[in-house]
């Protein structure tokens, strides 16, 4: 199995059981249920386990599609959290990951891959899926907060992804406030609408590079 043969689907209400199956009784990691970026620290800690599970289920049941699932056949093997940055208040509370500018970006905040499918291209496939899904929901810029390891790093601390993986997917660094935590972006091409009558040959030209802050704001 390679990432190219995976199927990526939105975490819609009818797929909740698959998400539960993937995360398992541990809620992916220590009862998190991918609520770390969505809740204040105290609320997240209080909800570890069942409380966070209910909170994530409420997002899924509400039809907001808080992320995407990767499937190998009928088996859910990976997850990526994806939503407008405004839905992740913990990002704004972070000195390192505070907003770069006022652009209405969508954020990729977390990955979880089943142990049986790690190092098999699942993360790359999920990023590609995010690039397809986000424009359909109105996004024009994807932003992520990967890790740039310096030496050996436990996998538990790589849940936001590796910088090298995002670079390989065409993301560009726009800011770095920490030696190991770049902020990267990719501009998205809107889904092509049916051509208007009499303009069948007209095409829109996608933007070529991410919006960058001025040099004085890059924090280097």
Protein backbone atom coordinates (compact mmCIF):
# COMPACT_ATOMS: atom_id res chain seq x y z
CA UNK A 1 0.00 0.00 0.00
CA UNK A 2 1.19 3.50 -0.86
CA UNK A 3 -0.37 6.89 -0.24
CA UNK A 4 -1.42 7.09 -3.88
CA UNK A 5 -3.83 4.17 -3.37
CA UNK A 6 -5.59 5.58 -0.32
CA UNK A 7 -9.07 7.07 -0.40
CA UNK A 8 -9.53 10.38 1.44
CA UNK A 9 -13.00 11.27 2.74
CA UNK A 10 -14.42 14.07 4.92
CA UNK A 11 -15.18 13.13 8.53
CA UNK A 12 -18.92 13.49 8.04
CA UNK A 13 -21.52 12.27 10.57
CA UNK A 14 -21.92 8.85 8.92
CA UNK A 15 -18.16 8.28 9.32
CA UNK A 16 -18.03 8.90 13.07
CA UNK A 17 -17.74 5.19 13.84
CA UNK A 18 -14.70 5.01 11.55
CA UNK A 19 -13.06 7.94 13.34
CA UNK A 20 -13.73 6.30 16.71
CA UNK A 21 -12.28 3.05 15.41
CA UNK A 22 -9.12 4.80 14.21
CA UNK A 23 -8.56 6.79 17.40
CA UNK A 24 -9.28 3.82 19.65
CA UNK A 25 -9.98 3.95 23.39
CA UNK A 26 -7.01 6.28 23.91
CA UNK A 27 -8.59 8.97 21.73
CA UNK A 28 -5.54 8.97 19.42
CA UNK A 29 -3.22 10.25 22.16
CA UNK A 30 -3.81 10.52 25.91
CA UNK A 31 -7.52 11.17 25.61
CA UNK A 32 -7.03 14.16 23.32
CA UNK A 33 -9.56 13.30 20.60
CA UNK A 34 -7.95 16.06 18.54
CA UNK A 35 -9.36 18.81 20.75
CA UNK A 36 -6.01 20.29 21.87
CA UNK A 37 -6.11 23.25 19.49
CA UNK A 38 -9.86 23.83 19.87
CA UNK A 39 -10.14 24.18 23.66
CA UNK A 40 -8.48 26.26 26.38
CA UNK A 41 -5.88 24.22 28.26
CA UNK A 42 -8.00 23.81 31.39
CA UNK A 43 -11.07 22.70 29.43
CA UNK A 44 -9.00 20.27 27.39
CA UNK A 45 -7.42 18.77 30.51
CA UNK A 46 -10.78 18.46 32.26
CA UNK A 47 -12.28 16.75 29.21
CA UNK A 48 -9.45 14.27 28.59
CA UNK A 49 -11.04 11.05 27.53
CA UNK A 50 -14.83 10.99 27.38
CA UNK A 51 -15.36 14.75 27.52
CA UNK A 52 -13.09 15.40 24.57
CA UNK A 53 -14.64 12.49 22.68
CA UNK A 54 -18.08 14.05 23.09
CA UNK A 55 -16.73 17.43 22.02
CA UNK A 56 -15.27 16.03 18.80
CA UNK A 57 -18.42 14.07 18.10
CA UNK A 58 -20.45 17.27 18.45
CA UNK A 59 -18.31 18.88 15.74
CA UNK A 60 -18.71 15.89 13.45
CA UNK A 61 -22.44 15.54 14.12
CA UNK A 62 -22.92 19.25 13.48
CA UNK A 63 -21.73 18.76 9.93
CA UNK A 64 -18.74 21.10 10.19
CA UNK A 65 -16.28 18.44 8.89
CA UNK A 66 -13.41 19.01 11.35
CA UNK A 67 -11.02 16.86 9.34
CA UNK A 68 -10.45 14.14 6.78
CA UNK A 69 -10.05 10.37 7.04
CA UNK A 70 -7.73 8.19 4.99
CA UNK A 71 -8.95 4.70 4.08
CA UNK A 72 -7.07 1.63 2.95
CA UNK A 73 -9.99 -0.27 1.48
CA UNK A 74 -12.69 -0.13 4.16
CA UNK A 75 -10.21 0.44 6.99
CA UNK A 76 -9.67 3.96 8.39
CA UNK A 77 -5.90 4.42 8.69
CA UNK A 78 -5.28 8.16 9.02
CA UNK A 79 -6.70 11.50 10.08
CA UNK A 80 -5.88 15.14 9.46
CA UNK A 81 -7.52 18.02 11.34
CA UNK A 82 -8.49 20.79 8.93
CA UNK A 83 -10.59 23.92 9.53
CA UNK A 84 -10.51 27.72 9.36
CA UNK A 85 -7.82 28.99 11.69
CA UNK A 86 -10.45 30.85 13.73
CA UNK A 87 -11.72 27.47 14.97
CA UNK A 88 -8.40 26.84 16.74
CA UNK A 89 -8.12 29.44 19.54
CA UNK A 90 -5.04 27.75 21.00
CA UNK A 91 -3.06 28.81 17.92
CA UNK A 92 -3.75 32.44 18.68
CA UNK A 93 -2.70 31.94 22.29
CA UNK A 94 0.70 30.63 21.21
CA UNK A 95 3.59 33.08 20.96
CA UNK A 96 5.25 30.88 18.34
CA UNK A 97 2.14 30.14 16.28
CA UNK A 98 0.28 33.44 16.61
CA UNK A 99 -1.22 34.80 13.36
CA UNK A 100 1.21 35.83 10.64
CA UNK A 101 -1.23 38.37 9.20
CA UNK A 102 -4.95 38.89 8.68
CA UNK A 103 -5.32 36.46 5.77
CA UNK A 104 -8.32 34.09 6.26
CA UNK A 105 -6.26 30.91 6.20
CA UNK A 106 -7.37 27.35 6.80
CA UNK A 107 -5.15 25.41 9.19
CA UNK A 108 -3.82 21.87 9.20
CA UNK A 109 -3.15 21.25 12.87
CA UNK A 110 -2.85 17.54 13.51
CA UNK A 111 -2.26 14.11 11.98
CA UNK A 112 -2.90 10.67 13.37
CA UNK A 113 -1.89 7.53 11.49
CA UNK A 114 -2.63 3.96 12.54
CA UNK A 115 0.51 2.20 13.73
CA UNK A 116 0.13 -0.40 10.98
CA UNK A 117 0.35 2.28 8.28
CA UNK A 118 3.06 4.63 9.50
CA UNK A 119 5.91 5.51 7.13
CA UNK A 120 3.75 4.45 4.20
CA UNK A 121 2.75 7.79 2.70
CA UNK A 122 -0.47 8.34 4.64
CA UNK A 123 0.47 11.85 5.80
CA UNK A 124 1.34 12.90 2.25
CA UNK A 125 -2.00 11.56 1.02
CA UNK A 126 -3.86 13.45 3.74
CA UNK A 127 -2.13 16.71 2.82
CA UNK A 128 -3.11 16.18 -0.81
CA UNK A 129 -6.67 15.48 0.33
CA UNK A 130 -6.70 18.71 2.34
CA UNK A 131 -5.60 20.61 -0.76
CA UNK A 132 -8.58 19.21 -2.65
CA UNK A 133 -11.16 19.59 0.12
CA UNK A 134 -10.34 23.07 1.44
CA UNK A 135 -11.04 25.02 -1.79
CA UNK A 136 -14.42 23.30 -2.08
CA UNK A 137 -15.23 24.75 1.35
CA UNK A 138 -14.07 28.23 0.32
CA UNK A 139 -10.42 28.24 1.42
CA UNK A 140 -7.76 29.99 -0.64
CA UNK A 141 -4.73 29.50 1.63
CA UNK A 142 -3.67 26.43 3.62
CA UNK A 143 -1.41 27.00 6.62
CA UNK A 144 0.40 24.42 8.75
CA UNK A 145 2.70 24.34 11.78
CA UNK A 146 5.08 21.41 11.28
CA UNK A 147 8.13 20.42 13.27
CA UNK A 148 11.70 20.82 11.99
CA UNK A 149 13.47 18.25 14.20
CA UNK A 150 16.97 18.87 15.46
CA UNK A 151 18.14 15.40 16.34
CA UNK A 152 15.97 12.50 17.41
CA UNK A 153 12.38 13.47 18.22
CA UNK A 154 9.75 11.14 19.65
CA UNK A 155 6.89 10.54 17.22
CA UNK A 156 4.39 11.75 19.84
CA UNK A 157 5.76 15.27 19.32
CA UNK A 158 5.42 15.17 15.53
CA UNK A 159 1.63 15.22 15.40
CA UNK A 160 1.61 18.50 13.43
CA UNK A 161 3.70 16.89 10.69
CA UNK A 162 7.27 17.25 9.49
CA UNK A 163 8.44 20.40 7.72
CA UNK A 164 10.12 18.27 5.06
CA UNK A 165 6.81 16.60 4.20
CA UNK A 166 5.10 19.93 3.68
CA UNK A 167 7.98 21.29 1.61
CA UNK A 168 7.76 18.24 -0.63
CA UNK A 169 4.05 19.03 -1.08
CA UNK A 170 4.82 22.57 -2.27
CA UNK A 171 4.28 24.52 0.94
CA UNK A 172 6.55 27.50 1.58
CA UNK A 173 7.77 28.87 4.88
CA UNK A 174 6.38 32.31 5.67
CA UNK A 175 7.52 32.82 9.26
CA UNK A 176 9.60 31.14 11.96
CA UNK A 177 9.58 32.27 15.58
CA UNK A 178 11.25 29.11 16.85
CA UNK A 179 14.18 27.14 15.39
CA UNK A 180 12.03 24.02 15.16
CA UNK A 181 8.55 25.40 14.35
CA UNK A 182 8.14 27.07 10.95
CA UNK A 183 4.77 28.31 9.73
CA UNK A 184 4.19 27.19 6.16
CA UNK A 185 1.56 28.04 3.56
CA UNK A 186 0.28 27.00 0.18
CA UNK A 187 -2.04 28.96 -2.08
CA UNK A 188 -4.93 26.92 -3.40
CA UNK A 189 -6.58 26.93 -6.79
CA UNK A 190 -10.36 27.25 -6.57
CA UNK A 191 -12.36 24.35 -8.02
CA UNK A 192 -12.95 25.03 -11.68
CA UNK A 193 -16.51 26.21 -12.32
CA UNK A 194 -18.34 25.27 -15.52
CA UNK A 195 -17.30 27.62 -18.31
CA UNK A 196 -19.78 30.39 -19.11
CA UNK A 197 -21.39 30.34 -22.53
CA UNK A 198 -19.22 31.96 -25.14
CA UNK A 199 -16.13 31.71 -22.91
CA UNK A 200 -15.38 28.03 -23.01
CA UNK A 201 -11.68 28.70 -23.41
CA UNK A 202 -11.37 31.17 -20.55
CA UNK A 203 -9.23 30.06 -17.63
CA UNK A 204 -8.31 31.59 -14.35
CA UNK A 205 -4.64 31.90 -13.45
CA UNK A 206 -3.75 30.57 -9.98
CA UNK A 207 -1.51 32.62 -7.75
CA UNK A 208 2.05 31.42 -7.69
CA UNK A 209 3.32 31.80 -4.15
CA UNK A 210 2.01 32.17 -0.59
CA UNK A 211 1.32 35.54 0.94
CA UNK A 212 4.41 36.52 2.89
CA UNK A 213 4.81 39.02 5.73
CA UNK A 214 7.24 41.87 5.30
CA UNK A 215 10.88 41.12 6.11
CA UNK A 216 10.60 43.05 9.36
CA UNK A 217 7.92 40.62 10.61
CA UNK A 218 9.58 37.32 9.82
CA UNK A 219 11.23 37.06 13.21
CA UNK A 220 14.51 35.70 11.90
